[in-house]
PDB file of N, CA and C in Angstrom:
ATOM      1  N   GLY A   1    -100.217 -16.059  38.552  1.00  0.00           N
ATOM      2  CA  GLY A   1     -99.046 -15.604  39.583  1.00  0.00           C
ATOM      3  C   GLY A   1     -99.067 -16.745  40.745  1.00  0.00           C
ATOM      4  N   ARG A   2     -98.000 -16.288  41.215  1.00  0.00           N
ATOM      5  CA  ARG A   2     -97.719 -17.507  42.469  1.00  0.00           C
ATOM      6  C   ARG A   2     -98.091 -16.779  43.564  1.00  0.00           C
ATOM      7  N   VAL A   3     -98.782 -17.198  44.729  1.00  0.00           N
ATOM      8  CA  VAL A   3     -99.424 -16.890  45.859  1.00  0.00           C
ATOM      9  C   VAL A   3     -98.434 -16.925  47.118  1.00  0.00           C
ATOM     10  N   GLY A   4     -98.010 -16.003  47.524  1.00  0.00           N
ATOM     11  CA  GLY A   4     -97.209 -16.082  49.057  1.00  0.00           C
ATOM     12  C   GLY A   4     -96.827 -15.029  49.442  1.00  0.00           C
ATOM     13  N   TRP A   5     -95.891 -14.599  50.133  1.00  0.00           N
ATOM     14  CA  TRP A   5     -95.932 -13.188  51.083  1.00  0.00           C
ATOM     15  C   TRP A   5     -94.427 -12.280  50.767  1.00  0.00           C
ATOM     16  N   VAL A   6     -94.494 -11.231  51.440  1.00  0.00           N
ATOM     17  CA  VAL A   6     -93.467 -10.580  51.412  1.00  0.00           C
ATOM     18  C   VAL A   6     -92.831 -10.217  52.684  1.00  0.00           C
ATOM     19  N   PRO A   7     -91.965 -10.996  53.124  1.00  0.00           N
ATOM     20  CA  PRO A   7     -91.457 -11.073  54.587  1.00  0.00           C
ATOM     21  C   PRO A   7     -90.800  -9.555  54.997  1.00  0.00           C
ATOM     22  N   ASN A   8     -91.086  -9.381  56.114  1.00  0.00           N
ATOM     23  CA  ASN A   8     -90.585  -8.329  57.099  1.00  0.00           C
ATOM     24  C   ASN A   8     -91.078  -6.550  56.030  1.00  0.00           C
ATOM     25  N   PHE A   9     -92.307  -6.502  55.939  1.00  0.00           N
ATOM     26  CA  PHE A   9     -93.078  -5.371  55.174  1.00  0.00           C
ATOM     27  C   PHE A   9     -94.564  -5.670  55.352  1.00  0.00           C
ATOM     28  N   LYS A  10     -95.064  -4.621  56.032  1.00  0.00           N
ATOM     29  CA  LYS A  10     -96.336  -4.514  56.581  1.00  0.00           C
ATOM     30  C   LYS A  10     -97.223  -3.668  55.397  1.00  0.00           C
ATOM     31  N   LEU A  11     -98.429  -4.013  55.085  1.00  0.00           N
ATOM     32  CA  LEU A  11     -99.519  -3.330  54.328  1.00  0.00           C
ATOM     33  C   LEU A  11     -99.731  -1.750  55.299  1.00  0.00           C
ATOM     34  N   MET A  12     -99.702  -0.928  54.465  1.00  0.00           N
ATOM     35  CA  MET A  12    -100.094   0.411  55.031  1.00  0.00           C
ATOM     36  C   MET A  12    -100.925   1.175  53.727  1.00  0.00           C
ATOM     37  N   PHE A  13    -101.735   2.152  54.504  1.00  0.00           N
ATOM     38  CA  PHE A  13    -102.643   2.752  53.664  1.00  0.00           C
ATOM     39  C   PHE A  13    -102.067   4.566  54.076  1.00  0.00           C
ATOM     40  N   ASN A  14    -100.688   4.607  53.502  1.00  0.00           N
ATOM     41  CA  ASN A  14     -99.864   5.847  53.943  1.00  0.00           C
ATOM     42  C   ASN A  14     -99.470   6.756  52.735  1.00  0.00           C
ATOM     43  N   LYS A  15     -99.736   6.412  51.593  1.00  0.00           N
ATOM     44  CA  LYS A  15     -99.607   7.116  50.446  1.00  0.00           C
ATOM     45  C   LYS A  15    -100.400   8.000  49.927  1.00  0.00           C
ATOM     46  N   GLN A  16     -99.843   9.729  49.987  1.00  0.00           N
ATOM     47  CA  GLN A  16    -101.078  10.174  49.875  1.00  0.00           C
ATOM     48  C   GLN A  16    -101.218  10.557  48.133  1.00  0.00           C
ATOM     49  N   SER A  17    -102.237  10.533  47.936  1.00  0.00           N
ATOM     50  CA  SER A  17    -102.651  11.183  46.039  1.00  0.00           C
ATOM     51  C   SER A  17    -101.863  12.063  45.693  1.00  0.00           C
ATOM     52  N   TYR A  18    -101.883  13.404  46.527  1.00  0.00           N
ATOM     53  CA  TYR A  18    -101.175  14.718  45.948  1.00  0.00           C
ATOM     54  C   TYR A  18    -100.979  15.117  47.348  1.00  0.00           C
ATOM     55  N   PRO A  19     -99.954  15.987  47.432  1.00  0.00           N
ATOM     56  CA  PRO A  19     -99.416  16.932  48.871  1.00  0.00           C
ATOM     57  C   PRO A  19    -101.001  17.525  49.426  1.00  0.00           C
ATOM     58  N   GLY A  20    -101.199  17.265  50.772  1.00  0.00           N
ATOM     59  CA  GLY A  20    -102.249  17.879  50.942  1.00  0.00           C
ATOM     60  C   GLY A  20    -103.423  16.996  51.086  1.00  0.00           C
ATOM     61  N   SER A  21    -103.426  15.935  50.234  1.00  0.00           N
ATOM     62  CA  SER A  21    -104.678  15.054  50.102  1.00  0.00           C
ATOM     63  C   SER A  21    -105.376  14.283  51.335  1.00  0.00           C
ATOM     64  N   LYS A  22    -106.307  13.961  51.683  1.00  0.00           N
ATOM     65  CA  LYS A  22    -106.677  13.447  52.852  1.00  0.00           C
ATOM     66  C   LYS A  22    -107.124  11.900  52.737  1.00  0.00           C
ATOM     67  N   GLU A  23    -106.726  11.605  51.033  1.00  0.00           N
ATOM     68  CA  GLU A  23    -106.778  10.331  50.612  1.00  0.00           C
ATOM     69  C   GLU A  23    -105.317   9.625  50.561  1.00  0.00           C
ATOM     70  N   SER A  24    -105.612   8.380  51.154  1.00  0.00           N
ATOM     71  CA  SER A  24    -103.929   7.537  50.923  1.00  0.00           C
ATOM     72  C   SER A  24    -104.570   6.457  50.170  1.00  0.00           C
ATOM     73  N   PHE A  25    -103.427   5.944  49.606  1.00  0.00           N
ATOM     74  CA  PHE A  25    -103.440   4.712  48.936  1.00  0.00           C
ATOM     75  C   PHE A  25    -102.554   3.568  49.577  1.00  0.00           C
ATOM     76  N   VAL A  26    -102.572   2.583  48.891  1.00  0.00           N
ATOM     77  CA  VAL A  26    -101.755   1.310  49.514  1.00  0.00           C
ATOM     78  C   VAL A  26    -100.411   1.396  49.366  1.00  0.00           C
ATOM     79  N   ASN A  27     -99.604   0.835  50.278  1.00  0.00           N
ATOM     80  CA  ASN A  27     -98.163   0.879  50.045  1.00  0.00           C
ATOM     81  C   ASN A  27     -97.726  -0.050  51.083  1.00  0.00           C
ATOM     82  N   ILE A  28     -96.541  -0.533  50.694  1.00  0.00           N
ATOM     83  CA  ILE A  28     -95.986  -1.345  51.786  1.00  0.00           C
ATOM     84  C   ILE A  28     -94.724  -0.630  52.473  1.00  0.00           C
ATOM     85  N   GLN A  29     -94.367  -1.061  53.733  1.00  0.00           N
ATOM     86  CA  GLN A  29     -93.308  -0.181  54.733  1.00  0.00           C
ATOM     87  C   GLN A  29     -92.483  -1.444  55.446  1.00  0.00           C
ATOM     88  N   TYR A  30     -91.418  -1.263  55.536  1.00  0.00           N
ATOM     89  CA  TYR A  30     -90.666  -2.219  56.163  1.00  0.00           C
ATOM     90  C   TYR A  30     -91.122  -2.506  57.855  1.00  0.00           C
ATOM     91  N   HIS A  31     -91.028  -3.498  58.235  1.00  0.00           N
ATOM     92  CA  HIS A  31     -91.119  -3.635  59.638  1.00  0.00           C
ATOM     93  C   HIS A  31     -91.231  -5.204  60.107  1.00  0.00           C
ATOM     94  N   PRO A  32     -90.137  -5.131  60.970  1.00  0.00           N
ATOM     95  CA  PRO A  32     -89.132  -6.491  61.350  1.00  0.00           C
ATOM     96  C   PRO A  32     -90.082  -7.680  61.147  1.00  0.00           C
ATOM     97  N   ASP A  33     -91.313  -7.369  62.034  1.00  0.00           N
ATOM     98  CA  ASP A  33     -92.190  -8.658  62.558  1.00  0.00           C
ATOM     99  C   ASP A  33     -93.393  -8.794  61.617  1.00  0.00           C
ATOM    100  N   ALA A  34     -93.517  -8.081  60.375  1.00  0.00           N
ATOM    101  CA  ALA A  34     -94.774  -8.298  59.651  1.00  0.00           C
ATOM    102  C   ALA A  34     -94.632  -9.365  58.291  1.00  0.00           C
ATOM    103  N   ARG A  35     -95.737  -9.629  57.385  1.00  0.00           N
ATOM    104  CA  ARG A  35     -95.507 -10.142  56.487  1.00  0.00           C
ATOM    105  C   ARG A  35     -96.637  -9.739  55.518  1.00  0.00           C
ATOM    106  N   THR A  36     -96.585  -9.674  54.338  1.00  0.00           N
ATOM    107  CA  THR A  36     -97.893  -8.934  53.365  1.00  0.00           C
ATOM    108  C   THR A  36     -98.029  -9.954  52.489  1.00  0.00           C
ATOM    109  N   PRO A  37     -99.310 -10.336  52.198  1.00  0.00           N
ATOM    110  CA  PRO A  37     -99.821 -11.084  51.236  1.00  0.00           C
ATOM    111  C   PRO A  37     -99.123 -10.506  49.555  1.00  0.00           C
ATOM    112  N   ALA A  38     -98.783 -11.297  48.972  1.00  0.00           N
ATOM    113  CA  ALA A  38     -98.461 -10.849  47.776  1.00  0.00           C
ATOM    114  C   ALA A  38     -98.429 -12.289  46.653  1.00  0.00           C
ATOM    115  N   VAL A  39     -98.886 -11.427  45.457  1.00  0.00           N
ATOM    116  CA  VAL A  39     -98.895 -12.344  44.310  1.00  0.00           C
ATOM    117  C   VAL A  39     -97.654 -11.972  43.648  1.00  0.00           C
ATOM    118  N   ALA A  40     -96.742 -12.643  43.177  1.00  0.00           N
ATOM    119  CA  ALA A  40     -95.483 -12.539  42.076  1.00  0.00           C
ATOM    120  C   ALA A  40     -96.022 -12.737  40.663  1.00  0.00           C
ATOM    121  N   TRP A  41     -95.604 -12.188  39.951  1.00  0.00           N
ATOM    122  CA  TRP A  41     -96.005 -12.541  38.388  1.00  0.00           C
ATOM    123  C   TRP A  41     -94.495 -12.371  37.529  1.00  0.00           C
ATOM    124  N   TRP A  42     -94.433 -13.083  36.775  1.00  0.00           N
ATOM    125  CA  TRP A  42     -93.307 -13.002  35.670  1.00  0.00           C
ATOM    126  C   TRP A  42     -93.469 -11.950  34.961  1.00  0.00           C
ATOM    127  N   LEU A  43     -92.628 -10.869  34.768  1.00  0.00           N
ATOM    128  CA  LEU A  43     -92.926 -10.003  33.516  1.00  0.00           C
ATOM    129  C   LEU A  43     -91.902  -9.605  32.768  1.00  0.00           C
ATOM    130  N   ASP A  44     -91.995  -9.277  31.495  1.00  0.00           N
ATOM    131  CA  ASP A  44     -90.830  -9.040  30.669  1.00  0.00           C
ATOM    132  C   ASP A  44     -90.369  -7.339  30.726  1.00  0.00           C
ATOM    133  N   GLN A  45     -89.619  -6.858  30.078  1.00  0.00           N
ATOM    134  CA  GLN A  45     -88.969  -5.611  30.165  1.00  0.00           C
ATOM    135  C   GLN A  45     -90.116  -4.682  29.848  1.00  0.00           C
ATOM    136  N   SER A  46     -90.851  -4.870  28.616  1.00  0.00           N
ATOM    137  CA  SER A  46     -91.752  -4.213  28.150  1.00  0.00           C
ATOM    138  C   SER A  46     -93.250  -3.932  29.337  1.00  0.00           C
ATOM    139  N   GLN A  47     -93.487  -5.109  30.009  1.00  0.00           N
ATOM    140  CA  GLN A  47     -94.614  -5.010  30.833  1.00  0.00           C
ATOM    141  C   GLN A  47     -93.883  -4.227  31.853  1.00  0.00           C
ATOM    142  N   LEU A  48     -92.475  -4.374  32.528  1.00  0.00           N
ATOM    143  CA  LEU A  48     -92.047  -3.559  33.731  1.00  0.00           C
ATOM    144  C   LEU A  48     -92.425  -2.093  33.221  1.00  0.00           C
ATOM    145  N   ASP A  49     -92.137  -1.556  32.195  1.00  0.00           N
ATOM    146  CA  ASP A  49     -91.848  -0.544  31.370  1.00  0.00           C
ATOM    147  C   ASP A  49     -93.178   0.219  31.687  1.00  0.00           C
ATOM    148  N   GLN A  50     -94.245  -0.446  31.348  1.00  0.00           N
ATOM    149  CA  GLN A  50     -95.528  -0.106  31.354  1.00  0.00           C
ATOM    150  C   GLN A  50     -96.147   0.428  32.754  1.00  0.00           C
ATOM    151  N   LEU A  51     -95.870  -0.648  33.958  1.00  0.00           N
ATOM    152  CA  LEU A  51     -95.779  -0.578  35.137  1.00  0.00           C
ATOM    153  C   LEU A  51     -95.337   0.725  35.696  1.00  0.00           C
ATOM    154  N   ASP A  52     -94.257   1.008  35.369  1.00  0.00           N
ATOM    155  CA  ASP A  52     -93.571   2.180  35.618  1.00  0.00           C
ATOM    156  C   ASP A  52     -93.917   3.312  35.164  1.00  0.00           C
ATOM    157  N   GLU A  53     -94.533   3.212  34.023  1.00  0.00           N
ATOM    158  CA  GLU A  53     -95.555   4.546  33.570  1.00  0.00           C
ATOM    159  C   GLU A  53     -96.586   4.636  34.369  1.00  0.00           C
ATOM    160  N   ILE A  54     -97.453   3.525  34.707  1.00  0.00           N
ATOM    161  CA  ILE A  54     -98.617   3.550  35.558  1.00  0.00           C
ATOM    162  C   ILE A  54     -98.220   4.203  36.655  1.00  0.00           C
ATOM    163  N   GLU A  55     -97.423   3.719  37.559  1.00  0.00           N
ATOM    164  CA  GLU A  55     -97.102   3.750  38.915  1.00  0.00           C
ATOM    165  C   GLU A  55     -96.510   5.363  39.141  1.00  0.00           C
ATOM    166  N   CYS A  56     -95.896   5.729  37.858  1.00  0.00           N
ATOM    167  CA  CYS A  56     -95.211   7.269  37.972  1.00  0.00           C
ATOM    168  C   CYS A  56     -93.767   7.040  38.591  1.00  0.00           C
ATOM    169  N   PHE A  57     -93.558   5.978  38.207  1.00  0.00           N
ATOM    170  CA  PHE A  57     -91.792   5.901  38.876  1.00  0.00           C
ATOM    171  C   PHE A  57     -90.824   6.714  37.879  1.00  0.00           C
ATOM    172  N   PRO A  58     -89.735   7.356  38.609  1.00  0.00           N
ATOM    173  CA  PRO A  58     -89.746   7.140  39.969  1.00  0.00           C
ATOM    174  C   PRO A  58     -90.303   8.390  40.387  1.00  0.00           C
ATOM    175  N   ASN A  59     -91.018   9.086  40.374  1.00  0.00           N
ATOM    176  CA  ASN A  59     -91.491  10.657  40.804  1.00  0.00           C
ATOM    177  C   ASN A  59     -92.453  10.275  42.163  1.00  0.00           C
ATOM    178  N   ARG A  60     -93.467   9.248  41.951  1.00  0.00           N
ATOM    179  CA  ARG A  60     -94.496   8.647  43.047  1.00  0.00           C
ATOM    180  C   ARG A  60     -94.258   7.842  43.788  1.00  0.00           C
ATOM    181  N   TYR A  61     -93.405   6.863  42.881  1.00  0.00           N
ATOM    182  CA  TYR A  61     -93.068   5.145  43.548  1.00  0.00           C
ATOM    183  C   TYR A  61     -91.687   4.976  43.370  1.00  0.00           C
ATOM    184  N   LEU A  62     -91.119   4.205  43.967  1.00  0.00           N
ATOM    185  CA  LEU A  62     -89.806   3.949  43.985  1.00  0.00           C
ATOM    186  C   LEU A  62     -89.839   2.183  43.395  1.00  0.00           C
ATOM    187  N   ARG A  63     -89.019   1.694  42.784  1.00  0.00           N
ATOM    188  CA  ARG A  63     -89.159  -0.134  42.900  1.00  0.00           C
ATOM    189  C   ARG A  63     -87.896  -0.669  43.741  1.00  0.00           C
ATOM    190  N   ILE A  64     -88.285  -1.423  44.453  1.00  0.00           N
ATOM    191  CA  ILE A  64     -87.221  -1.944  45.312  1.00  0.00           C
ATOM    192  C   ILE A  64     -87.144  -3.603  45.230  1.00  0.00           C
ATOM    193  N   VAL A  65     -86.257  -4.211  45.590  1.00  0.00           N
ATOM    194  CA  VAL A  65     -86.170  -5.558  45.613  1.00  0.00           C
ATOM    195  C   VAL A  65     -86.587  -6.538  46.860  1.00  0.00           C
ATOM    196  N   VAL A  66     -87.315  -7.178  46.770  1.00  0.00           N
ATOM    197  CA  VAL A  66     -88.164  -7.778  47.914  1.00  0.00           C
ATOM    198  C   VAL A  66     -88.104  -9.249  48.021  1.00  0.00           C
ATOM    199  N   PRO A  67     -87.470 -10.040  48.872  1.00  0.00           N
ATOM    200  CA  PRO A  67     -87.764 -11.499  48.959  1.00  0.00           C
ATOM    201  C   PRO A  67     -89.331 -11.698  48.664  1.00  0.00           C
ATOM    202  N   PHE A  68     -89.450 -12.941  48.207  1.00  0.00           N
ATOM    203  CA  PHE A  68     -90.829 -13.845  47.992  1.00  0.00           C
ATOM    204  C   PHE A  68     -91.000 -14.754  48.364  1.00  0.00           C
ATOM    205  N   VAL A  69     -91.944 -15.350  49.531  1.00  0.00           N
ATOM    206  CA  VAL A  69     -92.063 -16.761  50.054  1.00  0.00           C
ATOM    207  C   VAL A  69     -93.170 -17.221  49.190  1.00  0.00           C
ATOM    208  N   ALA A  70     -92.946 -18.314  48.560  1.00  0.00           N
ATOM    209  CA  ALA A  70     -93.926 -19.279  48.074  1.00  0.00           C
ATOM    210  C   ALA A  70     -95.188 -19.800  49.176  1.00  0.00           C
ATOM    211  N   GLN A  71     -96.368 -19.467  49.074  1.00  0.00           N
ATOM    212  CA  GLN A  71     -97.286 -20.344  50.036  1.00  0.00           C
ATOM    213  C   GLN A  71     -97.108 -21.682  49.878  1.00  0.00           C
ATOM    214  N   GLU A  72     -96.754 -22.632  48.846  1.00  0.00           N
ATOM    215  CA  GLU A  72     -96.497 -23.913  48.764  1.00  0.00           C
ATOM    216  C   GLU A  72     -95.540 -24.390  49.406  1.00  0.00           C
ATOM    217  N   THR A  73     -94.432 -23.496  49.545  1.00  0.00           N
ATOM    218  CA  THR A  73     -92.955 -24.216  50.215  1.00  0.00           C
ATOM    219  C   THR A  73     -92.671 -23.469  51.183  1.00  0.00           C
ATOM    220  N   HIS A  74     -93.067 -22.111  51.508  1.00  0.00           N
ATOM    221  CA  HIS A  74     -92.866 -21.502  52.993  1.00  0.00           C
ATOM    222  C   HIS A  74     -91.489 -21.384  52.669  1.00  0.00           C
ATOM    223  N   GLN A  75     -90.621 -21.031  51.544  1.00  0.00           N
ATOM    224  CA  GLN A  75     -89.484 -20.771  51.747  1.00  0.00           C
ATOM    225  C   GLN A  75     -89.230 -19.718  50.690  1.00  0.00           C
ATOM    226  N   VAL A  76     -88.114 -18.759  51.037  1.00  0.00           N
ATOM    227  CA  VAL A  76     -87.939 -17.666  49.564  1.00  0.00           C
ATOM    228  C   VAL A  76     -87.479 -18.487  48.491  1.00  0.00           C
ATOM    229  N   ILE A  77     -88.137 -18.109  47.384  1.00  0.00           N
ATOM    230  CA  ILE A  77     -88.127 -18.582  46.270  1.00  0.00           C
ATOM    231  C   ILE A  77     -87.413 -17.871  45.144  1.00  0.00           C
ATOM    232  N   GLU A  78     -87.685 -16.168  45.082  1.00  0.00           N
ATOM    233  CA  GLU A  78     -87.433 -15.318  44.521  1.00  0.00           C
ATOM    234  C   GLU A  78     -87.130 -14.093  45.235  1.00  0.00           C
ATOM    235  N   TYR A  79     -86.163 -13.288  44.548  1.00  0.00           N
ATOM    236  CA  TYR A  79     -86.530 -12.055  44.980  1.00  0.00           C
ATOM    237  C   TYR A  79     -86.946 -11.144  43.943  1.00  0.00           C
ATOM    238  N   CYS A  80     -87.975 -10.527  44.254  1.00  0.00           N
ATOM    239  CA  CYS A  80     -88.937  -9.778  43.109  1.00  0.00           C
ATOM    240  C   CYS A  80     -88.955  -8.385  43.309  1.00  0.00           C
ATOM    241  N   GLN A  81     -89.248  -7.350  42.297  1.00  0.00           N
ATOM    242  CA  GLN A  81     -89.421  -6.026  42.431  1.00  0.00           C
ATOM    243  C   GLN A  81     -90.842  -5.673  43.111  1.00  0.00           C
ATOM    244  N   ALA A  82     -90.637  -4.703  43.824  1.00  0.00           N
ATOM    245  CA  ALA A  82     -92.165  -4.156  44.392  1.00  0.00           C
ATOM    246  C   ALA A  82     -92.158  -2.671  44.458  1.00  0.00           C
ATOM    247  N   TYR A  83     -93.314  -1.775  44.164  1.00  0.00           N
ATOM    248  CA  TYR A  83     -93.128  -0.529  44.383  1.00  0.00           C
ATOM    249  C   TYR A  83     -93.443   0.077  45.467  1.00  0.00           C
ATOM    250  N   ILE A  84     -92.650   0.967  46.029  1.00  0.00           N
ATOM    251  CA  ILE A  84     -93.477   1.773  47.543  1.00  0.00           C
ATOM    252  C   ILE A  84     -93.349   3.206  47.186  1.00  0.00           C
ATOM    253  N   ALA A  85     -93.891   3.781  47.912  1.00  0.00           N
ATOM    254  CA  ALA A  85     -94.346   4.929  47.821  1.00  0.00           C
ATOM    255  C   ALA A  85     -93.104   5.863  47.671  1.00  0.00           C
ATOM    256  N   HIS A  86     -92.735   6.817  47.071  1.00  0.00           N
ATOM    257  CA  HIS A  86     -91.323   7.459  47.165  1.00  0.00           C
ATOM    258  C   HIS A  86     -91.605   8.301  48.482  1.00  0.00           C
ATOM    259  N   PRO A  87     -90.200   8.545  49.394  1.00  0.00           N
ATOM    260  CA  PRO A  87     -90.266   9.069  50.402  1.00  0.00           C
ATOM    261  C   PRO A  87     -90.774  10.296  50.775  1.00  0.00           C
ATOM    262  N   ASN A  88     -91.081  11.155  49.286  1.00  0.00           N
ATOM    263  CA  ASN A  88     -91.667  12.460  49.941  1.00  0.00           C
ATOM    264  C   ASN A  88     -93.316  12.215  49.688  1.00  0.00           C
ATOM    265  N   ALA A  89     -93.699  10.992  49.487  1.00  0.00           N
ATOM    266  CA  ALA A  89     -95.301  10.967  49.413  1.00  0.00           C
ATOM    267  C   ALA A  89     -96.093  10.029  50.661  1.00  0.00           C
ATOM    268  N   PRO A  90     -95.275   9.374  51.530  1.00  0.00           N
ATOM    269  CA  PRO A  90     -96.426   9.163  52.632  1.00  0.00           C
ATOM    270  C   PRO A  90     -97.017  10.192  53.510  1.00  0.00           C
ATOM    271  N   GLY A  91     -98.115   9.931  53.995  1.00  0.00           N
ATOM    272  CA  GLY A  91     -98.870  10.920  54.859  1.00  0.00           C
ATOM    273  C   GLY A  91     -99.873  10.761  55.641  1.00  0.00           C
ATOM    274  N   PRO A  92    -100.676  11.113  56.194  1.00  0.00           N
ATOM    275  CA  PRO A  92    -101.509  10.967  56.833  1.00  0.00           C
ATOM    276  C   PRO A  92    -102.799  10.887  56.204  1.00  0.00           C
ATOM    277  N   GLY A  93    -103.929  10.272  56.148  1.00  0.00           N
ATOM    278  CA  GLY A  93    -105.536   9.987  55.458  1.00  0.00           C
ATOM    279  C   GLY A  93    -106.066   8.779  55.724  1.00  0.00           C
ATOM    280  N   THR A  94    -106.953   9.017  55.034  1.00  0.00           N
ATOM    281  CA  THR A  94    -108.016   7.364  54.855  1.00  0.00           C
ATOM    282  C   THR A  94    -107.594   7.208  53.585  1.00  0.00           C
ATOM    283  N   SER A  95    -107.967   5.499  53.408  1.00  0.00           N
ATOM    284  CA  SER A  95    -107.822   4.476  52.496  1.00  0.00           C
ATOM    285  C   SER A  95    -108.814   5.322  51.461  1.00  0.00           C
ATOM    286  N   SER A  96    -108.310   5.333  50.247  1.00  0.00           N
ATOM    287  CA  SER A  96    -109.123   5.257  49.368  1.00  0.00           C
ATOM    288  C   SER A  96    -110.415   4.205  49.319  1.00  0.00           C
ATOM    289  N   ASN A  97    -111.658   4.391  49.029  1.00  0.00           N
ATOM    290  CA  ASN A  97    -112.648   3.435  49.055  1.00  0.00           C
ATOM    291  C   ASN A  97    -112.623   2.566  47.828  1.00  0.00           C
ATOM    292  N   SER A  98    -112.169   3.279  46.650  1.00  0.00           N
ATOM    293  CA  SER A  98    -112.398   2.228  45.778  1.00  0.00           C
ATOM    294  C   SER A  98    -111.110   1.500  45.421  1.00  0.00           C
ATOM    295  N   GLN A  99    -110.167   1.987  46.029  1.00  0.00           N
ATOM    296  CA  GLN A  99    -108.935   0.964  46.258  1.00  0.00           C
ATOM    297  C   GLN A  99    -108.668   0.106  47.160  1.00  0.00           C
ATOM    298  N   ARG A 100    -109.628   0.322  47.980  1.00  0.00           N
ATOM    299  CA  ARG A 100    -109.753  -0.437  49.338  1.00  0.00           C
ATOM    300  C   ARG A 100    -110.446  -1.511  48.939  1.00  0.00           C
ATOM    301  N   LYS A 101    -111.648  -1.420  48.090  1.00  0.00           N
ATOM    302  CA  LYS A 101    -112.630  -2.259  47.588  1.00  0.00           C
ATOM    303  C   LYS A 101    -112.002  -3.164  46.491  1.00  0.00           C
ATOM    304  N   ASP A 102    -111.237  -2.704  45.529  1.00  0.00           N
ATOM    305  CA  ASP A 102    -110.013  -3.670  44.903  1.00  0.00           C
ATOM    306  C   ASP A 102    -109.437  -4.473  45.197  1.00  0.00           C
ATOM    307  N   LEU A 103    -108.707  -3.838  46.006  1.00  0.00           N
ATOM    308  CA  LEU A 103    -107.821  -4.770  47.310  1.00  0.00           C
ATOM    309  C   LEU A 103    -108.599  -6.078  47.973  1.00  0.00           C
ATOM    310  N   GLU A 104    -109.750  -5.672  48.536  1.00  0.00           N
ATOM    311  CA  GLU A 104    -110.600  -6.552  48.953  1.00  0.00           C
ATOM    312  C   GLU A 104    -110.789  -7.901  48.239  1.00  0.00           C
ATOM    313  N   ALA A 105    -111.319  -7.061  46.729  1.00  0.00           N
ATOM    314  CA  ALA A 105    -111.441  -8.336  45.880  1.00  0.00           C
ATOM    315  C   ALA A 105    -110.501  -9.191  45.871  1.00  0.00           C
ATOM    316  N   GLU A 106    -109.010  -8.251  45.315  1.00  0.00           N
ATOM    317  CA  GLU A 106    -108.098  -9.213  45.046  1.00  0.00           C
ATOM    318  C   GLU A 106    -107.464 -10.425  46.146  1.00  0.00           C
ATOM    319  N   TYR A 107    -107.624  -9.753  47.589  1.00  0.00           N
ATOM    320  CA  TYR A 107    -107.553 -10.619  48.678  1.00  0.00           C
ATOM    321  C   TYR A 107    -108.062 -11.644  48.687  1.00  0.00           C
ATOM    322  N   LEU A 108    -109.606 -11.716  48.432  1.00  0.00           N
ATOM    323  CA  LEU A 108    -110.573 -12.626  48.260  1.00  0.00           C
ATOM    324  C   LEU A 108    -110.032 -13.648  47.079  1.00  0.00           C
ATOM    325  N   GLU A 109    -109.880 -13.171  46.268  1.00  0.00           N
ATOM    326  CA  GLU A 109    -109.680 -14.161  44.859  1.00  0.00           C
ATOM    327  C   GLU A 109    -108.224 -14.956  45.171  1.00  0.00           C
ATOM    328  N   SER A 110    -107.420 -14.375  46.016  1.00  0.00           N
ATOM    329  CA  SER A 110    -106.042 -15.130  46.485  1.00  0.00           C
ATOM    330  C   SER A 110    -106.180 -15.786  47.441  1.00  0.00           C
ATOM    331  N   GLY A 111    -107.013 -15.721  48.248  1.00  0.00           N
ATOM    332  CA  GLY A 111    -107.197 -16.602  49.494  1.00  0.00           C
ATOM    333  C   GLY A 111    -106.483 -16.229  50.484  1.00  0.00           C
ATOM    334  N   PHE A 112    -106.449 -14.278  50.618  1.00  0.00           N
ATOM    335  CA  PHE A 112    -105.438 -14.050  51.816  1.00  0.00           C
ATOM    336  C   PHE A 112    -106.549 -13.907  53.048  1.00  0.00           C
ATOM    337  N   GLY A 113    -107.678 -13.726  52.955  1.00  0.00           N
ATOM    338  CA  GLY A 113    -108.981 -13.267  54.171  1.00  0.00           C
ATOM    339  C   GLY A 113    -109.038 -12.114  53.917  1.00  0.00           C
ATOM    340  N   GLU A 114    -109.011 -11.339  55.162  1.00  0.00           N
ATOM    341  CA  GLU A 114    -109.346  -9.650  55.293  1.00  0.00           C
ATOM    342  C   GLU A 114    -107.922  -9.069  55.044  1.00  0.00           C
ATOM    343  N   VAL A 115    -108.313  -7.771  54.418  1.00  0.00           N
ATOM    344  CA  VAL A 115    -107.373  -6.689  54.264  1.00  0.00           C
ATOM    345  C   VAL A 115    -107.097  -5.978  55.762  1.00  0.00           C
ATOM    346  N   PRO A 116    -106.226  -5.665  55.959  1.00  0.00           N
ATOM    347  CA  PRO A 116    -105.822  -5.409  57.669  1.00  0.00           C
ATOM    348  C   PRO A 116    -106.191  -3.481  57.253  1.00  0.00           C
ATOM    349  N   SER A 117    -106.349  -3.430  58.730  1.00  0.00           N
ATOM    350  CA  SER A 117    -107.124  -1.637  58.543  1.00  0.00           C
ATOM    351  C   SER A 117    -106.098  -0.804  58.438  1.00  0.00           C
TER     352      SER A 117
END
């Protein structure tokens, strides 16, 4: 994958696992002064279909187009698809410990530093 970031989006833990849950999962949310570390991968349609099923698209997550800036060029090189929480899903809660640990490992592997709180 290509390492870089998505401009104008902030990493949030505001996607409830189910209504009324106290546990929240990772999401990105528009914020004009933010940028979220990302790794972009080329996927074929069958891989995208598999991800849609895993992410429960379109009932729990939506797929949107976002710009991707490559770390090596600092320029927008592609417009990529990203999953965001369905508008009915965000809500208060604390981050899932298992998801936070997975995200921390991915951040370290990609050289992003610490996961934001």
